[in-house]
Amino acid sequence: GSFAELQASLPADAMERMLQRLAALPETADADHRTALGAYQFSALNQAISGDVAICYARGGVEVALPLSIVQLSSGAVKSDDDNAGLAASHPNLLFWLEENAKLNLMQQYAGSGEYFSNAVTRIQLKEGAQLTHAYVQEQSIEAVHVDSVFVSCGENSSYTAQVVQVGGRISRVNLKVMLEGRFAATAVKGLTLGTGGQLGDLHSAIAHLSPDCSSQQEHY
């Protein structure tokens, strides 16, 4: 990929910290298969191919009044009788960074038409006291293959709430890993997957309590 200087002014060390986060893969090749989500291969492919990264940065103490909507649309390759077009593929790479006591409501949506492969990596960093409410809706084409690896790091007293809904895709898999790194960090994850006999939909979730006095809840349907 290539680095493009941001036009908006940021704290001196903010960009450096975000670039360090983007440079590291969320999982390693030698991760324990008993506890790992199995996202290394997909995230490594994303990292190798992605040329652009979408970054959302919230300064300390900022409360974003309106929800932020991120919509990713895909379409299959155009095929004709004279050529053999390959499978269309995209590799979205997103980073959401909330500084101390920032608050944000995020709506992340995937949709499309035709046959294609979507392989995304979503990183979320919550500093002390930050709060993020995350609505994740996957409505991909019934012919699509969808993979998204969502990795969340929660600092002290931060809160991450997620509602994950999947209804599309021939094969879909969302890997959700939440790291409760600071004391009193909290997370609540709810997942709903609806499909027909020809669909395979998975939500693989893992929550790591890395600091004392953290709390977590999970509900999957």
Protein backbone atom coordinates (compact mmCIF):
# COMPACT_ATOMS: atom_id res chain seq x y z
CA GLY A 1 0.00 0.00 0.00
CA SER A 2 0.90 3.65 0.01
CA PHE A 3 0.76 6.33 2.71
CA ALA A 4 -1.25 9.48 2.07
CA GLU A 5 -0.82 12.43 4.41
CA LEU A 6 -4.05 13.34 6.18
CA GLN A 7 -5.23 16.87 5.57
CA ALA A 8 -6.93 17.20 8.94
CA SER A 9 -4.71 18.04 11.90
CA LEU A 10 -4.12 15.20 14.36
CA PRO A 11 -2.18 14.93 17.61
CA ALA A 12 1.50 14.43 16.90
CA ASP A 13 1.59 10.80 17.96
CA ALA A 14 -1.89 9.73 16.79
CA MET A 15 -0.95 8.79 13.23
CA GLU A 16 2.14 6.91 14.39
CA ARG A 17 0.07 4.85 16.84
CA MET A 18 -2.53 4.06 14.19
CA LEU A 19 0.10 3.02 11.65
CA GLN A 20 1.65 0.71 14.23
CA ARG A 21 -1.75 -0.88 14.82
CA LEU A 22 -2.31 -1.34 11.08
CA ALA A 23 1.13 -2.88 10.55
CA ALA A 24 0.48 -5.76 12.95
CA LEU A 25 -1.68 -8.71 11.96
CA PRO A 26 -4.46 -9.49 14.42
CA GLU A 27 -3.39 -13.15 14.66
CA THR A 28 -0.14 -14.98 14.01
CA ALA A 29 0.58 -18.06 11.94
CA ASP A 30 1.60 -20.04 15.04
CA ALA A 31 -1.46 -19.11 17.13
CA ASP A 32 -2.88 -21.88 19.30
CA HIS A 33 -5.53 -23.57 17.14
CA ARG A 34 -7.58 -24.36 20.26
CA THR A 35 -8.19 -20.68 21.02
CA ALA A 36 -7.45 -18.82 17.78
CA LEU A 37 -10.26 -17.74 15.47
CA GLY A 38 -8.41 -19.00 12.42
CA ALA A 39 -8.34 -15.54 10.87
CA TYR A 40 -4.61 -15.33 10.16
CA GLN A 41 -4.73 -16.48 6.54
CA PHE A 42 -7.60 -14.17 5.61
CA SER A 43 -6.17 -11.13 7.42
CA ALA A 44 -2.70 -11.77 5.91
CA LEU A 45 -4.23 -11.87 2.42
CA ASN A 46 -6.06 -8.62 3.15
CA GLN A 47 -2.86 -7.00 4.42
CA ALA A 48 -0.89 -8.10 1.37
CA ILE A 49 -3.40 -6.84 -1.19
CA SER A 50 -4.95 -3.74 0.39
CA GLY A 51 -3.72 -0.48 -1.03
CA ASP A 52 -6.09 1.78 0.92
CA VAL A 53 -7.30 2.01 4.50
CA ALA A 54 -10.38 3.81 5.79
CA ILE A 55 -9.69 5.43 9.17
CA CYS A 56 -12.21 6.96 11.55
CA TYR A 57 -10.57 8.92 14.38
CA ALA A 58 -12.48 10.46 17.31
CA ARG A 59 -10.66 12.89 19.57
CA GLY A 60 -10.79 12.57 23.32
CA GLY A 61 -14.11 13.61 24.86
CA VAL A 62 -15.92 13.89 21.51
CA GLU A 63 -19.47 12.51 21.42
CA VAL A 64 -20.58 12.03 17.81
CA ALA A 65 -24.26 12.98 17.74
CA LEU A 66 -25.30 11.10 14.60
CA PRO A 67 -24.51 7.46 13.76
CA LEU A 68 -21.64 6.87 11.37
CA SER A 69 -22.72 4.66 8.45
CA ILE A 70 -20.13 2.65 6.52
CA VAL A 71 -21.62 0.87 3.48
CA GLN A 72 -19.55 -1.49 1.33
CA LEU A 73 -21.11 -2.48 -2.00
CA SER A 74 -19.75 -5.22 -4.26
CA SER A 75 -20.65 -6.62 -7.67
CA GLY A 76 -19.59 -9.68 -9.61
CA ALA A 77 -17.35 -9.61 -12.68
CA VAL A 78 -19.08 -9.00 -16.01
CA LYS A 79 -18.97 -12.20 -18.03
CA SER A 80 -19.59 -12.79 -21.71
CA ASP A 81 -19.44 -15.73 -24.09
CA ASP A 82 -16.01 -14.63 -25.31
CA ASP A 83 -14.09 -14.43 -22.06
CA ASN A 84 -13.63 -16.17 -18.76
CA ALA A 85 -13.76 -13.42 -16.21
CA GLY A 86 -12.32 -14.37 -12.83
CA LEU A 87 -14.06 -14.03 -9.50
CA ALA A 88 -14.33 -10.41 -8.41
CA ALA A 89 -12.69 -9.79 -5.04
CA SER A 90 -12.36 -6.89 -2.62
CA HIS A 91 -10.33 -6.51 0.58
CA PRO A 92 -11.70 -3.66 2.72
CA ASN A 93 -9.40 -2.49 5.51
CA LEU A 94 -10.91 -0.31 8.23
CA LEU A 95 -9.67 1.23 11.48
CA PHE A 96 -11.86 2.94 14.09
CA TRP A 97 -9.91 4.75 16.81
CA LEU A 98 -11.65 6.38 19.78
CA GLU A 99 -9.56 8.37 22.22
CA GLU A 100 -10.36 8.81 25.92
CA ASN A 101 -14.09 9.23 26.71
CA ALA A 102 -15.10 9.49 23.04
CA LYS A 103 -18.48 8.06 22.03
CA LEU A 104 -19.65 6.77 18.65
CA ASN A 105 -22.54 4.79 17.16
CA LEU A 106 -21.32 2.81 14.13
CA MET A 107 -23.42 1.15 11.41
CA GLN A 108 -21.33 -1.17 9.21
CA GLN A 109 -23.17 -2.72 6.27
CA TYR A 110 -22.21 -5.05 3.41
CA ALA A 111 -24.35 -5.69 0.32
CA GLY A 112 -23.97 -6.45 -3.37
CA SER A 113 -25.07 -8.38 -6.44
CA GLY A 114 -23.58 -11.25 -8.40
CA GLU A 115 -20.73 -13.60 -7.56
CA TYR A 116 -17.74 -12.18 -5.68
CA PHE A 117 -15.42 -12.58 -2.69
CA SER A 118 -15.29 -9.96 0.09
CA ASN A 119 -12.43 -10.31 2.58
CA ALA A 120 -12.41 -7.50 5.14
CA VAL A 121 -10.40 -6.63 8.24
CA THR A 122 -11.92 -4.26 10.78
CA ARG A 123 -9.80 -2.97 13.68
CA ILE A 124 -11.28 -1.06 16.61
CA GLN A 125 -9.27 0.68 19.34
CA LEU A 126 -11.08 2.05 22.39
CA LYS A 127 -9.05 4.12 24.81
CA GLU A 128 -9.93 4.75 28.46
CA GLY A 129 -13.63 5.49 28.95
CA ALA A 130 -14.48 5.31 25.23
CA GLN A 131 -17.83 3.87 24.16
CA LEU A 132 -18.71 2.28 20.83
CA THR A 133 -22.07 0.82 19.80
CA HIS A 134 -21.55 -1.30 16.69
CA ALA A 135 -24.37 -2.48 14.41
CA TYR A 136 -23.02 -4.92 11.83
CA VAL A 137 -25.32 -6.00 8.98
CA GLN A 138 -24.23 -8.48 6.31
CA GLU A 139 -26.65 -8.58 3.34
CA GLN A 140 -24.33 -9.86 0.63
CA SER A 141 -25.52 -11.46 -2.61
CA ILE A 142 -26.68 -15.05 -2.28
CA GLU A 143 -23.79 -15.98 -4.60
CA ALA A 144 -21.11 -14.17 -2.60
CA VAL A 145 -18.43 -15.37 -0.19
CA HIS A 146 -18.01 -13.02 2.75
CA VAL A 147 -15.25 -13.02 5.38
CA ASP A 148 -14.63 -10.26 7.91
CA SER A 149 -12.16 -10.35 10.79
CA VAL A 150 -13.17 -7.82 13.46
CA PHE A 151 -10.64 -7.17 16.21
CA VAL A 152 -11.44 -4.92 19.16
CA SER A 153 -9.08 -3.64 21.88
CA CYS A 154 -10.78 -2.15 24.97
CA GLY A 155 -8.98 0.10 27.41
CA GLU A 156 -9.85 0.85 31.02
CA ASN A 157 -13.54 1.63 31.65
CA SER A 158 -14.31 1.41 27.94
CA SER A 159 -17.43 -0.21 26.51
CA TYR A 160 -18.00 -2.12 23.26
CA THR A 161 -21.53 -3.23 22.31
CA ALA A 162 -22.10 -5.19 19.11
CA GLN A 163 -25.14 -6.51 17.28
CA VAL A 164 -24.20 -8.73 14.33
CA VAL A 165 -26.87 -9.72 11.79
CA GLN A 166 -26.12 -11.97 8.82
CA VAL A 167 -28.69 -12.86 6.16
CA GLY A 168 -26.72 -12.95 2.89
CA GLY A 169 -23.88 -14.80 1.25
CA ARG A 170 -23.49 -18.34 0.00
CA ILE A 171 -20.69 -18.69 2.54
CA SER A 172 -20.23 -16.09 5.26
CA ARG A 173 -17.96 -15.96 8.26
CA VAL A 174 -17.42 -13.14 10.74
CA ASN A 175 -14.50 -13.55 13.15
CA LEU A 176 -15.04 -11.29 16.17
CA LYS A 177 -12.31 -11.01 18.79
CA VAL A 178 -12.64 -8.63 21.75
CA MET A 179 -9.64 -7.97 24.00
CA LEU A 180 -10.59 -6.53 27.40
CA GLU A 181 -7.19 -5.02 28.14
CA GLY A 182 -8.04 -2.40 30.74
CA ARG A 183 -9.64 -2.73 34.14
CA PHE A 184 -13.45 -2.44 34.21
CA ALA A 185 -13.72 -2.76 30.42
CA ALA A 186 -17.05 -4.21 29.30
CA THR A 187 -18.50 -5.81 26.18
CA ALA A 188 -21.85 -7.23 25.09
CA VAL A 189 -22.16 -9.17 21.83
CA LYS A 190 -25.39 -10.35 20.19
CA GLY A 191 -25.44 -12.33 16.96
CA LEU A 192 -28.27 -13.39 14.65
CA THR A 193 -27.72 -15.51 11.52
CA LEU A 194 -30.58 -16.35 9.14
CA GLY A 195 -30.15 -18.58 6.12
CA THR A 196 -31.69 -21.11 3.78
CA GLY A 197 -30.63 -24.68 3.08
CA GLY A 198 -28.04 -23.53 0.56
CA GLN A 199 -26.24 -21.06 2.82
CA LEU A 200 -23.47 -21.44 5.38
CA GLY A 201 -23.23 -18.64 7.93
CA ASP A 202 -20.84 -18.48 10.89
CA LEU A 203 -20.07 -16.01 13.64
CA HIS A 204 -16.89 -17.02 15.45
CA SER A 205 -16.43 -14.95 18.60
CA ALA A 206 -13.77 -14.86 21.29
CA ILE A 207 -13.58 -12.55 24.30
CA ALA A 208 -10.34 -12.35 26.27
CA HIS A 209 -10.39 -11.04 29.85
CA LEU A 210 -6.84 -9.71 30.10
CA SER A 211 -7.44 -7.41 33.07
CA PRO A 212 -9.33 -7.82 36.35
CA ASP A 213 -12.90 -6.65 36.97
CA CYS A 214 -13.98 -6.82 33.31
CA SER A 215 -17.41 -8.00 32.19
CA SER A 216 -18.77 -9.65 29.05
CA GLN A 217 -22.05 -11.03 27.71
CA GLN A 218 -22.75 -13.06 24.58
CA GLU A 219 -25.99 -14.16 22.93
CA HIS A 220 -26.07 -15.99 19.59
CA TYR A 221 -29.10 -17.10 17.61
